[in-house]
All heavy atoms as atom14 arrays in JSON, in Angstrom:
{
  "sequence": "YTYQELSHLYYAKQNDSIKKNWICPKLYKEKETQKKYSEIWQ",
  "atom14_mask": [
    [1, 1, 1, 1, 1, 1, 1, 1, 1, 1, 1, 1, 0, 0],
    [1, 1, 1, 1, 1, 1, 1, 0, 0, 0, 0, 0, 0, 0],
    [1, 1, 1, 1, 1, 1, 1, 1, 1, 1, 1, 1, 0, 0],
    [1, 1, 1, 1, 1, 1, 1, 1, 1, 0, 0, 0, 0, 0],
    [1, 1, 1, 1, 1, 1, 1, 1, 1, 0, 0, 0, 0, 0],
    [1, 1, 1, 1, 1, 1, 1, 1, 0, 0, 0, 0, 0, 0],
    [1, 1, 1, 1, 1, 1, 0, 0, 0, 0, 0, 0, 0, 0],
    [1, 1, 1, 1, 1, 1, 1, 1, 1, 1, 0, 0, 0, 0],
    [1, 1, 1, 1, 1, 1, 1, 1, 0, 0, 0, 0, 0, 0],
    [1, 1, 1, 1, 1, 1, 1, 1, 1, 1, 1, 1, 0, 0],
    [1, 1, 1, 1, 1, 1, 1, 1, 1, 1, 1, 1, 0, 0],
    [1, 1, 1, 1, 1, 0, 0, 0, 0, 0, 0, 0, 0, 0],
    [1, 1, 1, 1, 1, 1, 1, 1, 1, 0, 0, 0, 0, 0],
    [1, 1, 1, 1, 1, 1, 1, 1, 1, 0, 0, 0, 0, 0],
    [1, 1, 1, 1, 1, 1, 1, 1, 0, 0, 0, 0, 0, 0],
    [1, 1, 1, 1, 1, 1, 1, 1, 0, 0, 0, 0, 0, 0],
    [1, 1, 1, 1, 1, 1, 0, 0, 0, 0, 0, 0, 0, 0],
    [1, 1, 1, 1, 1, 1, 1, 1, 0, 0, 0, 0, 0, 0],
    [1, 1, 1, 1, 1, 1, 1, 1, 1, 0, 0, 0, 0, 0],
    [1, 1, 1, 1, 1, 1, 1, 1, 1, 0, 0, 0, 0, 0],
    [1, 1, 1, 1, 1, 1, 1, 1, 0, 0, 0, 0, 0, 0],
    [1, 1, 1, 1, 1, 1, 1, 1, 1, 1, 1, 1, 1, 1],
    [1, 1, 1, 1, 1, 1, 1, 1, 0, 0, 0, 0, 0, 0],
    [1, 1, 1, 1, 1, 1, 0, 0, 0, 0, 0, 0, 0, 0],
    [1, 1, 1, 1, 1, 1, 1, 0, 0, 0, 0, 0, 0, 0],
    [1, 1, 1, 1, 1, 1, 1, 1, 1, 0, 0, 0, 0, 0],
    [1, 1, 1, 1, 1, 1, 1, 1, 0, 0, 0, 0, 0, 0],
    [1, 1, 1, 1, 1, 1, 1, 1, 1, 1, 1, 1, 0, 0],
    [1, 1, 1, 1, 1, 1, 1, 1, 1, 0, 0, 0, 0, 0],
    [1, 1, 1, 1, 1, 1, 1, 1, 1, 0, 0, 0, 0, 0],
    [1, 1, 1, 1, 1, 1, 1, 1, 1, 0, 0, 0, 0, 0],
    [1, 1, 1, 1, 1, 1, 1, 1, 1, 0, 0, 0, 0, 0],
    [1, 1, 1, 1, 1, 1, 1, 0, 0, 0, 0, 0, 0, 0],
    [1, 1, 1, 1, 1, 1, 1, 1, 1, 0, 0, 0, 0, 0],
    [1, 1, 1, 1, 1, 1, 1, 1, 1, 0, 0, 0, 0, 0],
    [1, 1, 1, 1, 1, 1, 1, 1, 1, 0, 0, 0, 0, 0],
    [1, 1, 1, 1, 1, 1, 1, 1, 1, 1, 1, 1, 0, 0],
    [1, 1, 1, 1, 1, 1, 0, 0, 0, 0, 0, 0, 0, 0],
    [1, 1, 1, 1, 1, 1, 1, 1, 1, 0, 0, 0, 0, 0],
    [1, 1, 1, 1, 1, 1, 1, 1, 0, 0, 0, 0, 0, 0],
    [1, 1, 1, 1, 1, 1, 1, 1, 1, 1, 1, 1, 1, 1],
    [1, 1, 1, 1, 1, 1, 1, 1, 1, 0, 0, 0, 0, 0]
  ],
  "atom14_positions": [
    [[84.09, 84.96, 119.77], [85.39, 84.87, 119.13], [86.39, 84.45, 120.18], [86.12, 84.49, 121.38], [85.8, 86.2, 118.5], [85.87, 87.38, 119.45], [87.03, 87.63, 120.2], [84.76, 88.23, 119.63], [87.09, 88.7, 121.1], [84.83, 89.29, 120.5], [85.98, 89.52, 121.24], [86.03, 90.59, 122.1], [0.0, 0.0, 0.0], [0.0, 0.0, 0.0]],
    [[87.54, 84.03, 119.76], [88.62, 83.65, 120.69], [89.55, 84.85, 120.85], [89.57, 85.77, 120.03], [89.4, 82.45, 120.19], [90.17, 82.83, 119.02], [88.49, 81.28, 119.85], [0.0, 0.0, 0.0], [0.0, 0.0, 0.0], [0.0, 0.0, 0.0], [0.0, 0.0, 0.0], [0.0, 0.0, 0.0], [0.0, 0.0, 0.0], [0.0, 0.0, 0.0]],
    [[90.35, 84.77, 121.89], [91.36, 85.83, 122.14], [92.32, 85.95, 120.95], [92.72, 87.03, 120.59], [92.13, 85.48, 123.4], [93.22, 86.48, 123.73], [92.91, 87.71, 124.29], [94.56, 86.18, 123.48], [93.9, 88.63, 124.58], [95.55, 87.08, 123.79], [95.23, 88.3, 124.32], [96.23, 89.22, 124.63], [0.0, 0.0, 0.0], [0.0, 0.0, 0.0]],
    [[92.6, 84.79, 120.33], [93.55, 84.8, 119.19], [92.94, 85.46, 117.95], [93.69, 85.7, 116.97], [93.97, 83.36, 118.85], [94.89, 82.73, 119.88], [94.19, 82.4, 121.2], [92.98, 82.2, 121.23], [94.98, 82.32, 122.27], [0.0, 0.0, 0.0], [0.0, 0.0, 0.0], [0.0, 0.0, 0.0], [0.0, 0.0, 0.0], [0.0, 0.0, 0.0]],
    [[91.65, 85.75, 117.96], [91.01, 86.42, 116.81], [90.95, 87.93, 116.95], [90.37, 88.6, 116.11], [89.63, 85.81, 116.58], [89.73, 84.39, 116.0], [88.4, 83.67, 115.98], [87.54, 83.95, 116.82], [88.24, 82.81, 115.09], [0.0, 0.0, 0.0], [0.0, 0.0, 0.0], [0.0, 0.0, 0.0], [0.0, 0.0, 0.0], [0.0, 0.0, 0.0]],
    [[91.53, 88.47, 118.03], [91.7, 89.92, 118.13], [92.83, 90.32, 117.18], [93.77, 89.57, 116.96], [92.0, 90.32, 119.57], [90.84, 90.19, 120.54], [91.3, 90.43, 121.98], [89.73, 91.18, 120.19], [0.0, 0.0, 0.0], [0.0, 0.0, 0.0], [0.0, 0.0, 0.0], [0.0, 0.0, 0.0], [0.0, 0.0, 0.0], [0.0, 0.0, 0.0]],
    [[92.75, 91.52, 116.65], [93.59, 91.89, 115.53], [95.07, 91.89, 115.81], [95.88, 91.64, 114.87], [93.19, 93.28, 115.02], [93.27, 94.25, 116.04], [0.0, 0.0, 0.0], [0.0, 0.0, 0.0], [0.0, 0.0, 0.0], [0.0, 0.0, 0.0], [0.0, 0.0, 0.0], [0.0, 0.0, 0.0], [0.0, 0.0, 0.0], [0.0, 0.0, 0.0]],
    [[95.5, 92.12, 117.06], [96.95, 92.16, 117.32], [97.6, 90.81, 117.06], [98.8, 90.74, 116.8], [97.22, 92.62, 118.73], [96.83, 91.65, 119.81], [95.53, 91.14, 119.91], [97.54, 91.09, 120.83], [95.49, 90.31, 120.95], [96.69, 90.28, 121.52], [0.0, 0.0, 0.0], [0.0, 0.0, 0.0], [0.0, 0.0, 0.0], [0.0, 0.0, 0.0]],
    [[96.8, 89.74, 117.11], [97.31, 88.4, 116.82], [96.85, 87.93, 115.45], [97.66, 87.44, 114.64], [96.84, 87.4, 117.89], [97.37, 87.65, 119.29], [96.78, 86.64, 120.29], [98.9, 87.57, 119.35], [0.0, 0.0, 0.0], [0.0, 0.0, 0.0], [0.0, 0.0, 0.0], [0.0, 0.0, 0.0], [0.0, 0.0, 0.0], [0.0, 0.0, 0.0]],
    [[95.56, 88.08, 115.15], [94.99, 87.51, 113.94], [95.53, 88.19, 112.7], [95.73, 87.55, 111.66], [93.46, 87.61, 113.98], [92.78, 86.76, 112.9], [92.51, 85.43, 113.13], [92.44, 87.32, 111.68], [91.92, 84.65, 112.17], [91.83, 86.56, 110.71], [91.58, 85.21, 110.95], [90.97, 84.45, 109.98], [0.0, 0.0, 0.0], [0.0, 0.0, 0.0]],
    [[95.74, 89.49, 112.75], [96.21, 90.26, 111.58], [97.67, 90.68, 111.71], [98.1, 91.63, 111.06], [95.33, 91.49, 111.38], [93.91, 91.16, 110.94], [92.84, 91.4, 111.75], [93.7, 90.6, 109.68], [91.55, 91.08, 111.34], [92.42, 90.28, 109.25], [91.36, 90.5, 110.1], [90.07, 90.19, 109.69], [0.0, 0.0, 0.0], [0.0, 0.0, 0.0]],
    [[98.44, 89.93, 112.48], [99.85, 90.3, 112.67], [100.62, 90.24, 111.34], [101.41, 91.14, 111.03], [100.48, 89.36, 113.68], [0.0, 0.0, 0.0], [0.0, 0.0, 0.0], [0.0, 0.0, 0.0], [0.0, 0.0, 0.0], [0.0, 0.0, 0.0], [0.0, 0.0, 0.0], [0.0, 0.0, 0.0], [0.0, 0.0, 0.0], [0.0, 0.0, 0.0]],
    [[100.4, 89.21, 110.53], [101.11, 89.09, 109.24], [100.68, 90.2, 108.29], [101.51, 90.79, 107.6], [100.83, 87.72, 108.64], [101.48, 86.55, 109.35], [101.23, 85.24, 108.65], [101.93, 84.07, 109.37], [101.68, 82.8, 108.69], [0.0, 0.0, 0.0], [0.0, 0.0, 0.0], [0.0, 0.0, 0.0], [0.0, 0.0, 0.0], [0.0, 0.0, 0.0]],
    [[99.37, 90.5, 108.26], [98.91, 91.58, 107.39], [99.51, 92.93, 107.83], [99.85, 93.74, 106.99], [97.39, 91.65, 107.38], [96.68, 90.53, 106.65], [96.45, 89.31, 107.54], [97.12, 89.12, 108.55], [95.5, 88.49, 107.15], [0.0, 0.0, 0.0], [0.0, 0.0, 0.0], [0.0, 0.0, 0.0], [0.0, 0.0, 0.0], [0.0, 0.0, 0.0]],
    [[99.62, 93.09, 109.14], [100.18, 94.33, 109.65], [101.65, 94.47, 109.24], [102.1, 95.55, 108.79], [100.09, 94.35, 111.18], [100.29, 95.72, 111.78], [100.41, 96.73, 111.04], [100.35, 95.82, 113.07], [0.0, 0.0, 0.0], [0.0, 0.0, 0.0], [0.0, 0.0, 0.0], [0.0, 0.0, 0.0], [0.0, 0.0, 0.0], [0.0, 0.0, 0.0]],
    [[102.39, 93.39, 109.33], [103.81, 93.4, 108.89], [103.91, 93.7, 107.39], [104.76, 94.45, 106.94], [104.48, 92.05, 109.18], [104.69, 91.83, 110.66], [104.68, 92.82, 111.42], [104.86, 90.67, 111.06], [0.0, 0.0, 0.0], [0.0, 0.0, 0.0], [0.0, 0.0, 0.0], [0.0, 0.0, 0.0], [0.0, 0.0, 0.0], [0.0, 0.0, 0.0]],
    [[102.97, 93.13, 106.62], [102.96, 93.35, 105.18], [102.66, 94.8, 104.85], [103.27, 95.39, 103.97], [101.95, 92.43, 104.52], [101.88, 92.66, 103.12], [0.0, 0.0, 0.0], [0.0, 0.0, 0.0], [0.0, 0.0, 0.0], [0.0, 0.0, 0.0], [0.0, 0.0, 0.0], [0.0, 0.0, 0.0], [0.0, 0.0, 0.0], [0.0, 0.0, 0.0]],
    [[101.7, 95.39, 105.55], [101.35, 96.79, 105.33], [102.54, 97.7, 105.61], [102.87, 98.59, 104.82], [100.12, 97.18, 106.21], [98.87, 96.5, 105.7], [99.91, 98.7, 106.19], [97.69, 96.61, 106.64], [0.0, 0.0, 0.0], [0.0, 0.0, 0.0], [0.0, 0.0, 0.0], [0.0, 0.0, 0.0], [0.0, 0.0, 0.0], [0.0, 0.0, 0.0]],
    [[103.18, 97.45, 106.74], [104.33, 98.31, 107.11], [105.49, 98.17, 106.12], [106.23, 99.1, 105.88], [104.79, 97.95, 108.54], [103.84, 98.41, 109.61], [104.38, 98.21, 111.0], [104.33, 96.78, 111.44], [104.7, 96.6, 112.87], [0.0, 0.0, 0.0], [0.0, 0.0, 0.0], [0.0, 0.0, 0.0], [0.0, 0.0, 0.0], [0.0, 0.0, 0.0]],
    [[105.61, 96.98, 105.54], [106.7, 96.72, 104.6], [106.42, 97.29, 103.21], [107.33, 97.84, 102.55], [106.95, 95.2, 104.49], [108.06, 94.84, 103.5], [108.25, 93.32, 103.49], [109.34, 92.95, 102.47], [109.54, 91.48, 102.42], [0.0, 0.0, 0.0], [0.0, 0.0, 0.0], [0.0, 0.0, 0.0], [0.0, 0.0, 0.0], [0.0, 0.0, 0.0]],
    [[105.16, 97.2, 102.79], [104.83, 97.53, 101.4], [104.25, 98.93, 101.19], [104.22, 99.41, 100.06], [103.83, 96.48, 100.84], [104.44, 95.1, 100.8], [105.61, 94.95, 100.43], [103.67, 94.09, 101.15], [0.0, 0.0, 0.0], [0.0, 0.0, 0.0], [0.0, 0.0, 0.0], [0.0, 0.0, 0.0], [0.0, 0.0, 0.0], [0.0, 0.0, 0.0]],
    [[103.76, 99.56, 102.25], [103.26, 100.93, 102.11], [104.41, 101.91, 102.09], [104.76, 102.49, 103.12], [102.27, 101.24, 103.23], [100.87, 100.73, 102.97], [100.52, 99.7, 102.18], [99.67, 101.26, 103.51], [99.17, 99.52, 102.22], [98.62, 100.45, 103.02], [99.38, 102.3, 104.38], [97.29, 100.69, 103.35], [98.04, 102.5, 104.73], [97.0, 101.71, 104.21]],
    [[105.05, 102.06, 100.97], [106.2, 102.97, 100.82], [105.75, 104.27, 100.19], [105.12, 104.28, 99.13], [107.3, 102.3, 99.95], [107.75, 100.99, 100.59], [108.47, 103.25, 99.76], [108.71, 100.19, 99.76], [0.0, 0.0, 0.0], [0.0, 0.0, 0.0], [0.0, 0.0, 0.0], [0.0, 0.0, 0.0], [0.0, 0.0, 0.0], [0.0, 0.0, 0.0]],
    [[106.03, 105.36, 100.84], [105.61, 106.69, 100.38], [106.3, 107.02, 99.05], [107.55, 107.03, 98.99], [105.9, 107.74, 101.42], [105.39, 109.39, 100.91], [0.0, 0.0, 0.0], [0.0, 0.0, 0.0], [0.0, 0.0, 0.0], [0.0, 0.0, 0.0], [0.0, 0.0, 0.0], [0.0, 0.0, 0.0], [0.0, 0.0, 0.0], [0.0, 0.0, 0.0]],
    [[105.55, 107.31, 98.01], [106.2, 107.69, 96.73], [106.73, 109.12, 96.77], [106.27, 109.92, 97.58], [105.04, 107.58, 95.72], [103.81, 107.82, 96.55], [104.1, 107.26, 97.9], [0.0, 0.0, 0.0], [0.0, 0.0, 0.0], [0.0, 0.0, 0.0], [0.0, 0.0, 0.0], [0.0, 0.0, 0.0], [0.0, 0.0, 0.0], [0.0, 0.0, 0.0]],
    [[107.69, 109.39, 95.92], [108.22, 110.75, 95.82], [107.51, 111.44, 94.68], [107.74, 111.14, 93.51], [109.73, 110.69, 95.57], [110.37, 112.09, 95.56], [111.87, 111.99, 95.54], [112.56, 113.35, 95.51], [112.14, 114.21, 96.62], [0.0, 0.0, 0.0], [0.0, 0.0, 0.0], [0.0, 0.0, 0.0], [0.0, 0.0, 0.0], [0.0, 0.0, 0.0]],
    [[106.63, 112.38, 95.01], [105.79, 113.03, 94.02], [106.18, 114.48, 93.74], [105.87, 115.01, 92.67], [104.32, 112.99, 94.46], [103.66, 111.63, 94.65], [102.21, 111.81, 95.05], [103.75, 110.8, 93.39], [0.0, 0.0, 0.0], [0.0, 0.0, 0.0], [0.0, 0.0, 0.0], [0.0, 0.0, 0.0], [0.0, 0.0, 0.0], [0.0, 0.0, 0.0]],
    [[106.8, 115.13, 94.72], [107.02, 116.58, 94.65], [108.53, 116.92, 94.6], [109.31, 116.36, 95.34], [106.35, 117.28, 95.82], [104.86, 117.04, 95.92], [104.37, 116.07, 96.8], [103.98, 117.7, 95.13], [103.0, 115.83, 96.87], [102.62, 117.49, 95.2], [102.13, 116.54, 96.06], [100.79, 116.3, 96.14], [0.0, 0.0, 0.0], [0.0, 0.0, 0.0]],
    [[108.85, 117.84, 93.72], [110.24, 118.37, 93.67], [110.49, 119.29, 94.85], [111.61, 119.35, 95.34], [110.47, 119.09, 92.37], [110.42, 118.18, 91.13], [110.69, 118.97, 89.86], [110.66, 118.06, 88.65], [110.92, 118.85, 87.38], [0.0, 0.0, 0.0], [0.0, 0.0, 0.0], [0.0, 0.0, 0.0], [0.0, 0.0, 0.0], [0.0, 0.0, 0.0]],
    [[109.45, 120.03, 95.27], [109.61, 120.93, 96.41], [109.79, 120.11, 97.67], [108.94, 119.29, 98.07], [108.38, 121.84, 96.55], [108.12, 122.75, 95.38], [107.38, 122.07, 94.25], [107.06, 120.85, 94.41], [107.13, 122.71, 93.21], [0.0, 0.0, 0.0], [0.0, 0.0, 0.0], [0.0, 0.0, 0.0], [0.0, 0.0, 0.0], [0.0, 0.0, 0.0]],
    [[110.91, 120.31, 98.36], [111.24, 119.52, 99.54], [110.21, 119.68, 100.64], [109.86, 118.7, 101.3], [112.63, 119.93, 100.06], [113.76, 119.5, 99.15], [115.1, 119.83, 99.79], [116.26, 119.38, 98.88], [117.58, 119.71, 99.48], [0.0, 0.0, 0.0], [0.0, 0.0, 0.0], [0.0, 0.0, 0.0], [0.0, 0.0, 0.0], [0.0, 0.0, 0.0]],
    [[109.72, 120.9, 100.82], [108.74, 121.14, 101.89], [107.44, 120.37, 101.66], [106.89, 119.74, 102.57], [108.44, 122.62, 102.02], [107.54, 122.96, 103.19], [107.22, 124.44, 103.27], [107.55, 125.18, 102.3], [106.64, 124.87, 104.27], [0.0, 0.0, 0.0], [0.0, 0.0, 0.0], [0.0, 0.0, 0.0], [0.0, 0.0, 0.0], [0.0, 0.0, 0.0]],
    [[106.96, 120.39, 100.42], [105.7, 119.7, 100.11], [105.9, 118.19, 100.2], [105.04, 117.48, 100.73], [105.22, 120.08, 98.69], [105.11, 121.49, 98.58], [103.86, 119.44, 98.41], [0.0, 0.0, 0.0], [0.0, 0.0, 0.0], [0.0, 0.0, 0.0], [0.0, 0.0, 0.0], [0.0, 0.0, 0.0], [0.0, 0.0, 0.0], [0.0, 0.0, 0.0]],
    [[107.02, 117.69, 99.7], [107.3, 116.26, 99.79], [107.41, 115.83, 101.24], [106.91, 114.76, 101.63], [108.57, 115.91, 99.03], [108.93, 114.42, 99.1], [107.9, 113.51, 98.42], [107.27, 113.9, 97.44], [107.71, 112.31, 98.97], [0.0, 0.0, 0.0], [0.0, 0.0, 0.0], [0.0, 0.0, 0.0], [0.0, 0.0, 0.0], [0.0, 0.0, 0.0]],
    [[108.04, 116.64, 102.06], [108.18, 116.29, 103.48], [106.82, 116.24, 104.16], [106.53, 115.33, 104.93], [109.07, 117.34, 104.15], [109.29, 117.07, 105.67], [110.16, 118.15, 106.28], [110.34, 117.85, 107.78], [111.17, 118.92, 108.43], [0.0, 0.0, 0.0], [0.0, 0.0, 0.0], [0.0, 0.0, 0.0], [0.0, 0.0, 0.0], [0.0, 0.0, 0.0]],
    [[105.98, 117.22, 103.88], [104.64, 117.24, 104.48], [103.82, 116.04, 103.99], [103.11, 115.39, 104.77], [103.91, 118.54, 104.15], [102.5, 118.65, 104.72], [102.49, 118.52, 106.24], [103.2, 119.66, 106.92], [103.1, 119.54, 108.42], [0.0, 0.0, 0.0], [0.0, 0.0, 0.0], [0.0, 0.0, 0.0], [0.0, 0.0, 0.0], [0.0, 0.0, 0.0]],
    [[103.95, 115.74, 102.69], [103.27, 114.59, 102.12], [103.71, 113.3, 102.8], [102.89, 112.45, 103.15], [103.54, 114.55, 100.61], [103.01, 113.34, 99.91], [101.64, 113.16, 99.72], [103.87, 112.36, 99.39], [101.13, 112.06, 99.05], [103.37, 111.26, 98.71], [102.01, 111.12, 98.53], [101.52, 110.01, 97.9], [0.0, 0.0, 0.0], [0.0, 0.0, 0.0]],
    [[105.01, 113.17, 103.04], [105.56, 111.98, 103.69], [105.05, 111.88, 105.13], [104.74, 110.77, 105.62], [107.08, 112.0, 103.71], [107.57, 112.0, 102.37], [0.0, 0.0, 0.0], [0.0, 0.0, 0.0], [0.0, 0.0, 0.0], [0.0, 0.0, 0.0], [0.0, 0.0, 0.0], [0.0, 0.0, 0.0], [0.0, 0.0, 0.0], [0.0, 0.0, 0.0]],
    [[104.91, 113.02, 105.83], [104.42, 113.02, 107.21], [102.98, 112.51, 107.28], [102.65, 111.67, 108.14], [104.51, 114.43, 107.79], [105.92, 114.9, 108.08], [105.96, 116.36, 108.54], [104.87, 116.98, 108.6], [107.04, 116.87, 108.81], [0.0, 0.0, 0.0], [0.0, 0.0, 0.0], [0.0, 0.0, 0.0], [0.0, 0.0, 0.0], [0.0, 0.0, 0.0]],
    [[102.15, 113.02, 106.37], [100.73, 112.62, 106.37], [100.61, 111.14, 105.97], [99.82, 110.39, 106.53], [99.92, 113.51, 105.44], [100.03, 114.99, 105.9], [98.45, 113.1, 105.44], [99.43, 115.95, 104.9], [0.0, 0.0, 0.0], [0.0, 0.0, 0.0], [0.0, 0.0, 0.0], [0.0, 0.0, 0.0], [0.0, 0.0, 0.0], [0.0, 0.0, 0.0]],
    [[101.43, 110.73, 105.01], [101.45, 109.33, 104.59], [101.8, 108.44, 105.76], [101.16, 107.42, 106.02], [102.45, 109.16, 103.45], [102.58, 107.74, 102.95], [103.26, 106.72, 103.56], [102.02, 107.2, 101.77], [103.17, 105.58, 102.8], [102.41, 105.84, 101.71], [101.24, 107.73, 100.73], [102.03, 105.01, 100.65], [100.86, 106.88, 99.69], [101.25, 105.57, 99.65]],
    [[102.82, 108.84, 106.54], [103.23, 108.07, 107.68], [102.18, 108.05, 108.77], [102.0, 107.05, 109.47], [104.54, 108.65, 108.25], [105.14, 107.82, 109.4], [105.46, 106.4, 109.02], [105.99, 106.14, 107.94], [105.12, 105.45, 109.89], [0.0, 0.0, 0.0], [0.0, 0.0, 0.0], [0.0, 0.0, 0.0], [0.0, 0.0, 0.0], [0.0, 0.0, 0.0]]
  ]
}
């Protein structure tokens, strides 16, 4: 493989897309549970 096929370069666009589109949903009314859920999601 070439150096450019290592993931930090080859999957840079996919990485940006993941960071942009993986938005943690709000599922819990309890603030503590939602906060913990958001931490694990992150």
